[in-house]
Amino acid sequence: MGDIDKWTVEQLKRELKMRGYPVSGNKAELFERLNNPAPDDEQEKGKPGNDGYVSIIRAAFFQTPFVPYLTVFILMTAGGGVISFLTSEPVPDYELIDFDTDRSRAFAQDLVDLGHPEWGGRMSGTIEEAAAAESNKQNFTDAGMGATIETFSVPMFEILAEPILRMCQTGGIIPPVDPCGISDFGSDITEFTHREQFVIQGYSGTQQINFAQNVAVIDLGNGSEDSDWDSASGGVGLVWGKGDVSGNTDLFLRAQESDLFALIIVNERQNCDDLISGDCVPYFKSVDVSRFDTMPAGIAFLMVSKTVGETISEEIINGSQRLGLDVRVDNEGTRDVSVPCGVIPGLTDDMIIFGAHHDTVYNGPGAVDDTSGTATVLELATQFGALYNELGTPEYTIKFCTWGGEEEGLFGSKAWVEAHQEELKDHLRIYFNLDMNHVDTERNDGVTLFGNSEEDVIHIYNIREKFNETYPSLASKYDTKLSLLDSSDMPYNSDHAPFVFEIDPDGEYGKALVCYGSGSSEYHTYLDSMDRFNEESLAVSGIIYGSYARWLAWGTQT
């Protein structure tokens, strides 16, 4: 899923508004509220201004004598929610699609097995990402549809060797001839574990720092003081990643301006105590490459766990140990990312598209982000292939696509939309995006469905009601929060964004329906594995969104 730490104030407010949180305050306060909502915010979220109106709507259904001919829905506004009576048309007799959760898990496991042999990830532009795209194409073919792969050359970094981070206490010889080397008797080297204790950040450059250099490490606090950055020139900056810290892009730009050798962020805000007691696991974040005139090719960019950050502060900044690192990343080139699509031809060229991103962060398997969404797309493709055989040619052309390059900047979906812009401008009916549409059973908070088309969201509301009646155990286990957003308020944080904002940048917005899940504290870490994967939860968005696409394509035909 796309980075939030590089969002503008407007984007942060959009996301908070969508989640039902207050939108007042400066950027730091908005960012903190989004990552760590206060109890009062959670209470606010449960008020009728959000999905709390569902109970009112249900009451209206039961109390209205012409229920079959009335659709009641929540119209979300900045000030809360209001109930709108939007149509007097009969509610269609939707046919719910099937969804094989065991097969969805198998799709996910197959993709995870294609990950990096040591690090687990399917990073954009790598052989692992290309293998995932080829696998998806084969699955589309197996589902009985035509399948293609398009590749796009995009700005992408390449990790040339496994990064090393360590520190050393020299021996008793003063001054040591070879600090922390073979002749430095009594020296003690501490190696930090890649992925578990530190990870590189997106578009890090290359830098080697050896113990003999004795490079200074400067505590930059939250990175807000100009004098601190000035003093770190020619050294290594340490930034504490609390709620008020700037995003990765701003920090990396500042490191470039200040001529740092390396920049290290300490994780003090995400997943703390959730995954490892008393610690915060480092996670991958990217940067907005469009904001750099030239990439900082000689600056290493890392994130460390909270305990490693505290160790560096105590033993290096305030102690006598020395820092060593070896980070080799080419961040000045391009790499090919892949977009496989399966197609069911329709009676018209008008299109329904399902999408999810098959790439992951480099440092973890990405079982939830976004193998879960990709597995859902593959299962939907299988179901629709069977429907095609059974019901014949649909009204709409239906495409199932998976995107590379999402984690570093939505590169795959952006490039595909640009390549197909005229076709999409004339013929896109609706785009469905599935990004982490997964619910952790232990941290169950349901799924969030939202879209920017009143007509489509009304249908989703009606289908959700039928889903709740047909699958009461799933409906009671996984709450579905549903919102209608203004097009301008759609978040720019996943692959739906190019379909909404970039098909016709100076004209109309594209229509999209999006699903986000919940409960992924493992997000962007080495722990996002199949251990906590919950295939059952994928059925919620898969059936609801898939059933709407079925109705659009074949009506009530059975």
Protein backbone atom coordinates (compact mmCIF):
# COMPACT_ATOMS: atom_id res chain seq x y z
CA MET A 1 0.00 0.00 0.00
CA GLY A 2 1.22 3.51 -0.87
CA ASP A 3 3.18 5.65 1.63
CA ILE A 4 1.26 8.02 3.91
CA ASP A 5 4.31 9.77 5.32
CA LYS A 6 4.71 11.79 2.10
CA TRP A 7 1.09 12.95 1.90
CA THR A 8 0.08 16.59 1.86
CA VAL A 9 -2.15 18.11 4.53
CA GLU A 10 -5.08 17.87 2.12
CA GLN A 11 -4.48 14.15 1.54
CA LEU A 12 -4.18 13.50 5.28
CA LYS A 13 -7.47 15.29 5.88
CA ARG A 14 -9.14 13.26 3.14
CA GLU A 15 -8.04 10.00 4.73
CA LEU A 16 -9.05 11.11 8.24
CA LYS A 17 -12.40 12.24 6.92
CA MET A 18 -12.92 8.89 5.21
CA ARG A 19 -12.18 7.10 8.50
CA GLY A 20 -14.48 9.37 10.46
CA TYR A 21 -11.77 11.13 12.50
CA PRO A 22 -11.53 14.87 13.18
CA VAL A 23 -9.64 16.84 10.53
CA SER A 24 -8.48 19.87 12.52
CA GLY A 25 -4.84 20.64 13.30
CA ASN A 26 -1.48 20.98 11.58
CA LYS A 27 0.24 18.33 9.47
CA ALA A 28 2.04 16.73 12.41
CA GLU A 29 -1.19 16.48 14.40
CA LEU A 30 -3.06 15.01 11.43
CA PHE A 31 -0.31 12.46 10.81
CA GLU A 32 -0.25 11.44 14.47
CA ARG A 33 -4.06 11.11 14.57
CA LEU A 34 -4.00 8.89 11.50
CA ASN A 35 -1.33 6.60 12.96
CA ASN A 36 -2.36 6.73 16.62
CA PRO A 37 -5.99 7.82 17.02
CA ALA A 38 -6.85 8.99 20.52
CA PRO A 39 -9.69 7.25 22.40
CA ASP A 40 -11.90 10.30 21.80
CA ASP A 41 -11.29 9.95 18.06
CA GLU A 42 -12.32 6.30 18.17
CA GLN A 43 -15.49 7.29 19.97
CA GLU A 44 -16.11 9.97 17.35
CA LYS A 45 -15.66 7.36 14.65
CA GLY A 46 -18.51 5.31 16.09
CA LYS A 47 -21.02 8.17 16.02
CA PRO A 48 -23.73 8.31 13.35
CA GLY A 49 -21.52 10.57 11.19
CA ASN A 50 -19.90 7.39 9.85
CA ASP A 51 -21.22 3.86 9.49
CA GLY A 52 -23.20 4.29 12.68
CA TYR A 53 -26.07 5.37 10.47
CA VAL A 54 -26.45 1.79 9.34
CA SER A 55 -28.71 1.05 12.31
CA ILE A 56 -30.88 4.06 11.41
CA ILE A 57 -31.02 2.92 7.80
CA ARG A 58 -32.05 -0.59 8.76
CA ALA A 59 -34.77 0.82 10.98
CA ALA A 60 -36.00 2.90 8.05
CA PHE A 61 -36.17 -0.22 5.92
CA PHE A 62 -38.26 -2.10 8.45
CA GLN A 63 -40.59 0.84 9.11
CA THR A 64 -41.21 1.85 5.48
CA PRO A 65 -44.24 0.16 3.82
CA PHE A 66 -42.78 0.38 0.30
CA VAL A 67 -39.42 -1.15 1.25
CA PRO A 68 -38.83 -3.07 -2.04
CA TYR A 69 -39.05 0.18 -4.03
CA LEU A 70 -36.91 2.39 -1.86
CA THR A 71 -33.16 2.55 -1.58
CA VAL A 72 -31.86 4.30 1.51
CA PHE A 73 -28.19 5.18 1.77
CA ILE A 74 -25.67 7.22 3.73
CA LEU A 75 -24.46 10.34 2.00
CA MET A 76 -21.21 11.28 3.76
CA THR A 77 -20.45 14.99 4.20
CA ALA A 78 -17.65 16.89 5.88
CA GLY A 79 -19.91 17.62 8.85
CA GLY A 80 -21.09 14.07 9.37
CA GLY A 81 -23.67 11.88 7.70
CA VAL A 82 -27.18 12.53 6.44
CA ILE A 83 -29.72 10.01 5.18
CA SER A 84 -30.79 10.49 1.58
CA PHE A 85 -33.68 8.84 -0.24
CA LEU A 86 -31.98 8.49 -3.60
CA THR A 87 -34.21 6.40 -5.85
CA SER A 88 -37.64 4.81 -6.08
CA GLU A 89 -36.48 2.05 -8.42
CA PRO A 90 -36.94 -1.57 -7.24
CA VAL A 91 -33.87 -3.15 -5.69
CA PRO A 92 -32.42 -5.56 -8.29
CA ASP A 93 -32.38 -9.27 -7.57
CA TYR A 94 -28.59 -9.55 -7.43
CA GLU A 95 -27.00 -12.97 -7.84
CA LEU A 96 -24.10 -13.46 -5.40
CA ILE A 97 -21.00 -15.07 -6.89
CA ASP A 98 -19.16 -18.00 -5.33
CA PHE A 99 -15.76 -17.55 -3.70
CA ASP A 100 -13.36 -20.41 -2.94
CA THR A 101 -11.30 -19.35 0.09
CA ASP A 102 -9.06 -22.43 0.00
CA ARG A 103 -8.11 -21.69 -3.59
CA SER A 104 -7.48 -18.05 -2.64
CA ARG A 105 -5.03 -19.19 0.01
CA ALA A 106 -3.31 -21.43 -2.54
CA PHE A 107 -2.96 -18.46 -4.93
CA ALA A 108 -1.42 -16.43 -2.09
CA GLN A 109 0.97 -19.19 -1.03
CA ASP A 110 2.17 -19.67 -4.62
CA LEU A 111 2.99 -15.97 -4.87
CA VAL A 112 4.77 -15.88 -1.51
CA ASP A 113 6.84 -18.90 -2.60
CA LEU A 114 8.10 -16.84 -5.56
CA GLY A 115 9.69 -14.28 -3.22
CA HIS A 116 13.39 -13.54 -2.72
CA PRO A 117 15.14 -16.66 -1.37
CA GLU A 118 16.53 -14.77 1.65
CA TRP A 119 14.41 -11.65 2.10
CA GLY A 120 11.04 -12.97 0.96
CA GLY A 121 9.97 -9.92 -1.06
CA ARG A 122 8.86 -9.46 -4.66
CA MET A 123 10.35 -6.00 -5.08
CA SER A 124 9.49 -4.06 -8.22
CA GLY A 125 11.89 -4.55 -11.10
CA THR A 126 13.35 -7.81 -9.76
CA ILE A 127 13.19 -11.34 -11.12
CA GLU A 128 10.83 -12.15 -8.24
CA GLU A 129 8.34 -9.48 -9.32
CA ALA A 130 8.58 -10.61 -12.95
CA ALA A 131 7.97 -14.22 -11.87
CA ALA A 132 4.86 -13.14 -9.95
CA ALA A 133 3.55 -11.36 -13.05
CA GLU A 134 4.14 -14.44 -15.21
CA SER A 135 2.40 -16.62 -12.62
CA ASN A 136 -0.61 -14.31 -12.61
CA LYS A 137 -0.75 -14.33 -16.39
CA GLN A 138 -0.78 -18.13 -16.37
CA ASN A 139 -3.59 -18.16 -13.83
CA PHE A 140 -5.61 -15.81 -16.04
CA THR A 141 -5.01 -18.17 -18.97
CA ASP A 142 -6.03 -21.14 -16.83
CA ALA A 143 -9.25 -19.30 -16.00
CA GLY A 144 -10.12 -19.41 -19.71
CA MET A 145 -9.39 -15.85 -20.77
CA GLY A 146 -6.91 -14.09 -22.98
CA ALA A 147 -3.89 -12.86 -21.03
CA THR A 148 -1.10 -10.38 -21.69
CA ILE A 149 1.86 -8.82 -19.89
CA GLU A 150 2.99 -5.27 -20.50
CA THR A 151 6.26 -3.93 -19.10
CA PHE A 152 7.08 -0.34 -18.29
CA SER A 153 10.47 1.21 -17.59
CA VAL A 154 10.19 3.34 -14.44
CA PRO A 155 12.59 5.02 -11.98
CA MET A 156 13.56 2.19 -9.65
CA PHE A 157 16.38 1.45 -7.25
CA GLU A 158 18.35 -1.81 -7.31
CA ILE A 159 19.86 -3.39 -4.20
CA LEU A 160 23.30 -4.61 -5.23
CA ALA A 161 24.28 -6.41 -2.01
CA GLU A 162 22.81 -7.18 1.37
CA PRO A 163 23.24 -4.08 3.55
CA ILE A 164 25.41 -4.19 6.66
CA LEU A 165 25.05 -2.10 9.83
CA ARG A 166 27.31 -2.58 12.84
CA MET A 167 29.23 -0.83 15.59
CA CYS A 168 32.52 -1.49 17.33
CA GLN A 169 34.26 -0.78 20.60
CA THR A 170 38.01 -0.54 19.96
CA GLY A 171 40.52 -2.44 22.09
CA GLY A 172 42.93 -1.02 24.65
CA ILE A 173 45.60 0.23 22.23
CA ILE A 174 45.51 4.04 21.95
CA PRO A 175 45.41 5.03 19.17
CA PRO A 176 44.58 1.71 17.48
CA VAL A 177 46.61 1.03 14.34
CA ASP A 178 43.67 -0.75 12.70
CA PRO A 179 40.51 0.19 14.65
CA CYS A 180 38.35 -2.90 15.17
CA GLY A 181 40.56 -4.84 12.75
CA ILE A 182 42.71 -7.94 13.21
CA SER A 183 45.44 -6.08 15.09
CA ASP A 184 42.99 -4.28 17.38
CA PHE A 185 43.15 -6.79 20.23
CA GLY A 186 40.21 -6.64 22.61
CA SER A 187 37.89 -4.89 20.17
CA ASP A 188 34.22 -5.90 20.14
CA ILE A 189 32.00 -5.71 17.03
CA THR A 190 28.18 -5.76 17.21
CA GLU A 191 26.37 -6.77 14.02
CA PHE A 192 22.76 -5.67 13.63
CA THR A 193 20.42 -8.07 11.82
CA HIS A 194 19.16 -6.95 8.44
CA ARG A 195 15.35 -6.94 8.11
CA GLU A 196 14.78 -7.65 11.79
CA GLN A 197 16.75 -4.74 13.30
CA PHE A 198 17.25 -2.47 10.28
CA VAL A 199 16.06 -2.06 6.67
CA ILE A 200 16.98 0.29 3.87
CA GLN A 201 14.45 2.90 2.80
CA GLY A 202 13.24 3.44 -0.75
CA TYR A 203 15.83 4.99 -3.10
CA SER A 204 18.66 4.87 -0.59
CA GLY A 205 22.01 5.54 -2.21
CA THR A 206 25.36 3.78 -1.85
CA GLN A 207 27.72 4.48 1.03
CA GLN A 208 30.45 2.59 2.91
CA ILE A 209 31.61 3.79 6.30
CA ASN A 210 34.42 1.86 8.01
CA PHE A 211 35.46 2.00 11.64
CA ALA A 212 38.77 3.74 10.86
CA GLN A 213 36.86 6.79 9.58
CA ASN A 214 35.21 7.25 12.99
CA VAL A 215 32.37 9.18 11.33
CA ALA A 216 30.29 11.29 13.72
CA VAL A 217 26.65 10.40 14.33
CA ILE A 218 24.50 13.43 15.14
CA ASP A 219 21.18 13.24 16.97
CA LEU A 220 18.75 15.29 14.85
CA GLY A 221 15.77 14.85 17.16
CA ASN A 222 12.64 14.96 15.01
CA GLY A 223 14.55 16.66 12.19
CA SER A 224 13.01 20.09 12.65
CA GLU A 225 16.07 22.12 13.76
CA ASP A 226 18.19 23.69 11.01
CA SER A 227 21.24 23.95 13.26
CA ASP A 228 21.20 20.20 13.87
CA TRP A 229 21.28 19.45 10.16
CA ASP A 230 24.11 21.90 9.63
CA SER A 231 26.20 20.17 12.29
CA ALA A 232 25.60 16.75 10.69
CA SER A 233 27.24 17.71 7.39
CA GLY A 234 29.79 15.07 6.44
CA GLY A 235 28.41 12.72 9.09
CA VAL A 236 25.44 10.49 9.86
CA GLY A 237 22.10 11.91 11.00
CA LEU A 238 19.82 10.05 13.44
CA VAL A 239 16.14 11.07 13.36
CA TRP A 240 13.61 9.82 15.91
CA GLY A 241 10.46 8.79 14.04
CA LYS A 242 7.77 10.02 16.40
CA GLY A 243 4.37 11.39 15.36
CA ASP A 244 5.71 14.85 14.53
CA VAL A 245 8.56 13.72 12.27
CA SER A 246 8.56 14.75 8.62
CA GLY A 247 8.00 12.18 5.88
CA ASN A 248 10.76 10.20 4.18
CA THR A 249 10.88 12.48 1.15
CA ASP A 250 11.37 15.65 3.19
CA LEU A 251 14.02 14.00 5.35
CA PHE A 252 15.97 12.58 2.41
CA LEU A 253 15.88 15.93 0.63
CA ARG A 254 17.20 17.58 3.77
CA ALA A 255 19.96 14.99 4.04
CA GLN A 256 20.94 15.81 0.47
CA GLU A 257 20.98 19.55 1.15
CA SER A 258 23.14 19.01 4.25
CA ASP A 259 25.66 16.66 2.58
CA LEU A 260 25.14 13.77 4.97
CA PHE A 261 26.88 10.43 4.45
CA ALA A 262 23.89 8.54 5.81
CA LEU A 263 20.48 9.13 7.37
CA ILE A 264 19.01 6.75 9.95
CA ILE A 265 15.39 6.90 11.13
CA VAL A 266 14.47 5.26 14.44
CA ASN A 267 11.01 3.67 14.47
CA GLU A 268 9.15 4.98 17.49
CA ARG A 269 5.62 5.12 16.16
CA GLN A 270 4.48 2.07 14.18
CA ASN A 271 3.86 -1.48 15.44
CA CYS A 272 5.47 -0.71 18.82
CA ASP A 273 4.84 -3.62 21.24
CA ASP A 274 2.44 -5.16 18.70
CA LEU A 275 4.96 -7.53 17.14
CA ILE A 276 7.84 -7.69 19.61
CA SER A 277 7.36 -6.77 23.24
CA GLY A 278 9.21 -3.60 24.18
CA ASP A 279 10.35 -2.81 20.66
CA CYS A 280 9.28 -1.31 17.34
CA VAL A 281 10.19 -3.31 14.22
CA PRO A 282 11.74 -1.29 11.36
CA TYR A 283 9.66 -1.07 8.20
CA PHE A 284 10.15 -0.02 4.58
CA LYS A 285 8.92 3.34 3.26
CA SER A 286 9.58 4.96 -0.10
CA VAL A 287 10.10 8.54 -1.30
CA ASP A 288 8.53 10.67 -4.01
CA VAL A 289 11.20 10.62 -6.71
CA SER A 290 9.50 13.44 -8.63
CA ARG A 291 10.62 15.90 -5.94
CA PHE A 292 14.34 15.28 -6.53
CA ASP A 293 16.29 17.08 -9.26
CA THR A 294 18.96 14.40 -8.85
CA MET A 295 18.78 11.37 -6.59
CA PRO A 296 21.11 11.37 -3.54
CA ALA A 297 23.33 8.64 -4.96
CA GLY A 298 25.88 8.75 -2.13
CA ILE A 299 23.63 8.84 0.93
CA ALA A 300 22.64 5.62 2.70
CA PHE A 301 19.06 5.76 4.00
CA LEU A 302 18.04 3.32 6.75
CA MET A 303 15.39 2.68 9.37
CA VAL A 304 16.28 0.89 12.60
CA SER A 305 14.23 -0.56 15.43
CA LYS A 306 13.67 1.46 18.58
CA THR A 307 16.19 -0.62 20.56
CA VAL A 308 18.87 -0.24 17.88
CA GLY A 309 18.28 3.51 17.82
CA GLU A 310 18.66 3.66 21.59
CA THR A 311 21.84 1.57 21.35
CA ILE A 312 23.34 3.90 18.73
CA SER A 313 22.47 6.88 20.91
CA GLU A 314 23.98 5.39 24.06
CA GLU A 315 27.03 3.63 22.63
CA ILE A 316 28.03 5.84 19.69
CA ILE A 317 26.58 9.35 20.09
CA ASN A 318 27.04 9.41 23.87
CA GLY A 319 29.67 6.69 24.08
CA SER A 320 32.95 5.66 22.51
CA GLN A 321 31.86 3.07 19.94
CA ARG A 322 32.14 3.60 16.20
CA LEU A 323 29.60 3.14 13.42
CA GLY A 324 30.16 0.98 10.37
CA LEU A 325 27.85 0.44 7.43
CA ASP A 326 27.92 -0.86 3.89
CA VAL A 327 24.89 -0.03 1.77
CA ARG A 328 25.09 -0.58 -1.97
CA VAL A 329 22.04 0.59 -3.87
CA ASP A 330 21.80 2.02 -7.39
CA ASN A 331 19.07 4.66 -7.18
CA GLU A 332 19.75 6.52 -10.43
CA GLY A 333 18.47 4.05 -13.01
CA THR A 334 15.27 2.52 -14.29
CA ARG A 335 13.87 -0.99 -14.09
CA ASP A 336 11.03 -2.77 -15.84
CA VAL A 337 7.84 -3.40 -13.86
CA SER A 338 5.14 -5.73 -15.14
CA VAL A 339 1.37 -5.54 -15.55
CA PRO A 340 -0.37 -8.82 -16.46
CA CYS A 341 -4.06 -8.68 -17.42
CA GLY A 342 -6.68 -11.31 -18.18
CA VAL A 343 -9.56 -10.26 -20.43
CA ILE A 344 -13.11 -11.49 -20.96
CA PRO A 345 -14.37 -9.78 -24.14
CA GLY A 346 -17.77 -8.14 -23.88
CA LEU A 347 -20.52 -7.10 -26.26
CA THR A 348 -19.18 -3.56 -25.95
CA ASP A 349 -15.76 -1.97 -25.41
CA ASP A 350 -16.93 -0.47 -22.11
CA MET A 351 -14.79 -1.90 -19.33
CA ILE A 352 -14.98 -3.23 -15.80
CA ILE A 353 -11.49 -3.63 -14.29
CA PHE A 354 -10.38 -5.41 -11.12
CA GLY A 355 -6.89 -4.66 -9.84
CA ALA A 356 -4.38 -5.28 -7.03
CA HIS A 357 -0.62 -4.92 -6.78
CA HIS A 358 1.52 -8.06 -6.97
CA ASP A 359 4.77 -6.38 -5.91
CA THR A 360 5.79 -6.17 -2.24
CA VAL A 361 8.39 -4.34 -0.20
CA TYR A 362 11.85 -5.83 -0.64
CA ASN A 363 12.24 -6.95 2.96
CA GLY A 364 9.24 -9.23 3.54
CA PRO A 365 6.87 -11.74 1.90
CA GLY A 366 4.00 -9.22 1.76
CA ALA A 367 1.34 -11.84 2.46
CA VAL A 368 -1.20 -9.16 3.40
CA ASP A 369 0.26 -6.23 1.43
CA ASP A 370 -0.79 -7.03 -1.19
CA THR A 371 -0.68 -10.75 -1.86
CA SER A 372 -4.13 -10.85 -0.28
CA GLY A 373 -5.54 -8.45 -2.86
CA THR A 374 -3.82 -10.23 -5.75
CA ALA A 375 -5.12 -13.61 -4.57
CA THR A 376 -8.62 -12.11 -4.49
CA VAL A 377 -8.26 -10.86 -8.07
CA LEU A 378 -7.06 -14.31 -9.17
CA GLU A 379 -10.02 -16.00 -7.47
CA LEU A 380 -12.44 -13.51 -9.03
CA ALA A 381 -10.87 -14.18 -12.44
CA THR A 382 -11.45 -17.91 -11.92
CA GLN A 383 -15.08 -17.33 -10.91
CA PHE A 384 -15.73 -15.02 -13.85
CA GLY A 385 -14.09 -17.44 -16.27
CA ALA A 386 -16.63 -20.05 -15.15
CA LEU A 387 -19.47 -17.51 -15.47
CA TYR A 388 -18.30 -16.68 -19.00
CA ASN A 389 -18.56 -20.37 -19.94
CA GLU A 390 -21.98 -20.61 -18.31
CA LEU A 391 -23.65 -17.33 -19.25
CA GLY A 392 -21.90 -16.34 -22.45
CA THR A 393 -20.54 -12.98 -23.51
CA PRO A 394 -21.06 -10.23 -20.91
CA GLU A 395 -22.31 -6.73 -21.68
CA TYR A 396 -19.00 -5.22 -20.57
CA THR A 397 -15.43 -6.23 -21.33
CA ILE A 398 -14.01 -7.41 -17.99
CA LYS A 399 -10.30 -7.11 -17.17
CA PHE A 400 -8.34 -8.52 -14.27
CA CYS A 401 -4.95 -6.82 -13.81
CA THR A 402 -2.18 -6.86 -11.23
CA TRP A 403 0.30 -4.05 -10.88
CA GLY A 404 4.04 -3.89 -10.29
CA GLY A 405 5.70 -0.82 -8.84
CA GLU A 406 3.01 0.14 -6.32
CA GLU A 407 5.21 0.26 -3.25
CA GLU A 408 7.61 2.80 -4.73
CA GLY A 409 5.01 5.17 -6.20
CA LEU A 410 2.08 3.44 -8.00
CA PHE A 411 4.36 3.17 -11.03
CA GLY A 412 2.71 0.16 -12.70
CA SER A 413 -0.88 1.41 -12.56
CA LYS A 414 0.16 4.95 -13.50
CA ALA A 415 2.09 3.75 -16.54
CA TRP A 416 -0.71 1.40 -17.62
CA VAL A 417 -3.33 4.13 -17.31
CA GLU A 418 -1.15 6.50 -19.34
CA ALA A 419 -0.63 3.86 -22.04
CA HIS A 420 -4.39 3.16 -22.26
CA GLN A 421 -5.60 6.68 -21.50
CA GLU A 422 -7.78 7.26 -24.55
CA GLU A 423 -9.37 3.84 -24.29
CA LEU A 424 -10.05 4.34 -20.59
CA LYS A 425 -11.39 7.86 -21.09
CA ASP A 426 -13.98 6.57 -23.53
CA HIS A 427 -14.80 3.17 -22.04
CA LEU A 428 -14.01 2.74 -18.33
CA ARG A 429 -17.24 1.95 -16.49
CA ILE A 430 -15.77 1.16 -13.05
CA TYR A 431 -12.44 0.17 -11.49
CA PHE A 432 -12.31 -2.07 -8.39
CA ASN A 433 -9.16 -1.87 -6.22
CA LEU A 434 -8.28 -4.51 -3.64
CA ASP A 435 -5.37 -3.46 -1.44
CA MET A 436 -4.88 -5.36 1.80
CA ASN A 437 -8.58 -6.38 1.76
CA HIS A 438 -7.66 -8.74 4.59
CA VAL A 439 -8.68 -9.01 8.22
CA ASP A 440 -6.42 -10.44 10.90
CA THR A 441 -8.60 -12.71 13.05
CA GLU A 442 -6.88 -11.57 16.25
CA ARG A 443 -7.14 -7.85 15.46
CA ASN A 444 -10.49 -8.01 13.67
CA ASP A 445 -11.87 -4.60 12.74
CA GLY A 446 -13.67 -5.53 9.54
CA VAL A 447 -13.19 -4.01 6.11
CA THR A 448 -13.73 -0.55 4.64
CA LEU A 449 -15.53 -0.17 1.32
CA PHE A 450 -15.75 3.20 -0.38
CA GLY A 451 -16.24 4.77 -3.77
CA ASN A 452 -16.84 8.04 -5.57
CA SER A 453 -19.94 7.17 -7.62
CA GLU A 454 -23.33 7.51 -5.94
CA GLU A 455 -24.97 5.04 -8.29
CA ASP A 456 -22.33 2.38 -7.69
CA VAL A 457 -22.18 2.82 -3.93
CA ILE A 458 -25.98 2.44 -3.71
CA HIS A 459 -25.67 -0.92 -5.45
CA ILE A 460 -22.87 -1.95 -3.11
CA TYR A 461 -25.06 -1.07 -0.15
CA ASN A 462 -27.88 -3.26 -1.49
CA ILE A 463 -25.51 -6.14 -2.28
CA ARG A 464 -23.95 -5.86 1.16
CA GLU A 465 -27.42 -6.27 2.66
CA LYS A 466 -27.99 -9.44 0.62
CA PHE A 467 -24.54 -10.68 1.60
CA ASN A 468 -25.38 -10.10 5.27
CA GLU A 469 -28.58 -12.12 4.89
CA THR A 470 -26.95 -14.93 2.89
CA TYR A 471 -23.79 -15.23 4.99
CA PRO A 472 -24.85 -14.18 8.51
CA SER A 473 -21.81 -15.74 10.20
CA LEU A 474 -19.36 -13.88 7.94
CA ALA A 475 -21.37 -10.66 8.22
CA SER A 476 -21.38 -10.81 12.01
CA LYS A 477 -17.67 -11.64 12.13
CA TYR A 478 -16.43 -9.02 9.65
CA ASP A 479 -18.09 -5.63 9.86
CA THR A 480 -18.21 -3.73 6.55
CA LYS A 481 -17.96 0.05 6.74
CA LEU A 482 -19.29 1.72 3.62
CA SER A 483 -18.75 5.34 2.51
CA LEU A 484 -19.50 7.54 -0.47
CA LEU A 485 -16.75 10.12 -1.03
CA ASP A 486 -16.55 13.13 -3.28
CA SER A 487 -14.19 12.34 -6.13
CA SER A 488 -11.80 15.06 -4.98
CA ASP A 489 -11.69 13.40 -1.54
CA MET A 490 -10.62 9.99 -2.78
CA PRO A 491 -7.23 9.18 -1.16
CA TYR A 492 -4.20 9.06 -3.43
CA ASN A 493 -2.61 6.08 -1.72
CA SER A 494 -3.13 3.01 -3.89
CA ASP A 495 -3.64 1.88 -7.47
CA HIS A 496 -7.18 3.23 -7.75
CA ALA A 497 -5.76 6.78 -7.79
CA PRO A 498 -4.59 6.86 -11.45
CA PHE A 499 -8.01 5.57 -12.52
CA VAL A 500 -9.75 8.34 -10.59
CA PHE A 501 -7.43 11.29 -11.18
CA GLU A 502 -5.30 10.66 -14.26
CA ILE A 503 -7.52 9.23 -17.00
CA ASP A 504 -8.80 12.72 -17.77
CA PRO A 505 -6.75 15.09 -15.59
CA ASP A 506 -8.47 18.22 -16.85
CA GLY A 507 -11.94 16.73 -17.11
CA GLU A 508 -14.07 14.14 -15.33
CA TYR A 509 -12.96 11.84 -12.55
CA GLY A 510 -12.90 8.12 -13.18
CA LYS A 511 -15.19 5.90 -11.09
CA ALA A 512 -13.66 3.53 -8.57
CA LEU A 513 -14.64 1.26 -5.70
CA VAL A 514 -11.95 0.43 -3.15
CA CYS A 515 -11.56 -2.05 -0.31
CA TYR A 516 -9.10 -1.79 2.55
CA GLY A 517 -8.86 -4.38 5.29
CA SER A 518 -7.54 -4.09 8.83
CA GLY A 519 -5.21 -5.64 11.37
CA SER A 520 -1.83 -5.61 9.63
CA SER A 521 0.67 -4.49 12.23
CA GLU A 522 3.16 -6.56 10.21
CA TYR A 523 2.79 -4.03 7.39
CA HIS A 524 6.05 -3.53 5.42
CA THR A 525 8.08 -5.72 7.80
CA TYR A 526 9.69 -9.14 7.53
CA LEU A 527 6.78 -10.52 9.59
CA ASP A 528 4.12 -10.01 6.90
CA SER A 529 4.03 -13.74 6.20
CA MET A 530 1.42 -16.45 5.67
CA ASP A 531 1.48 -17.24 9.40
CA ARG A 532 -1.37 -14.83 10.08
CA PHE A 533 -3.04 -15.05 6.66
CA ASN A 534 -6.84 -15.24 6.85
CA GLU A 535 -8.31 -16.32 3.52
CA GLU A 536 -11.85 -16.33 4.91
CA SER A 537 -11.83 -12.54 5.20
CA LEU A 538 -11.12 -12.11 1.48
CA ALA A 539 -14.56 -13.50 0.69
CA VAL A 540 -16.27 -10.39 2.07
CA SER A 541 -15.01 -7.88 -0.51
CA GLY A 542 -14.61 -10.60 -3.15
CA ILE A 543 -18.27 -11.58 -3.04
CA ILE A 544 -19.67 -8.07 -2.61
CA TYR A 545 -17.62 -6.41 -5.36
CA GLY A 546 -17.64 -9.49 -7.59
CA SER A 547 -21.43 -9.76 -7.36
CA TYR A 548 -21.82 -6.16 -8.46
CA ALA A 549 -19.56 -6.76 -11.47
CA ARG A 550 -21.59 -9.88 -12.28
CA TRP A 551 -24.81 -7.86 -12.19
CA LEU A 552 -23.33 -5.16 -14.43
CA ALA A 553 -22.07 -7.78 -16.88
CA TRP A 554 -24.99 -10.21 -17.05
CA GLY A 555 -27.86 -8.57 -15.14
CA THR A 556 -30.07 -11.07 -13.32
CA GLN A 557 -29.29 -13.80 -15.85
CA THR A 558 -28.80 -17.21 -14.19
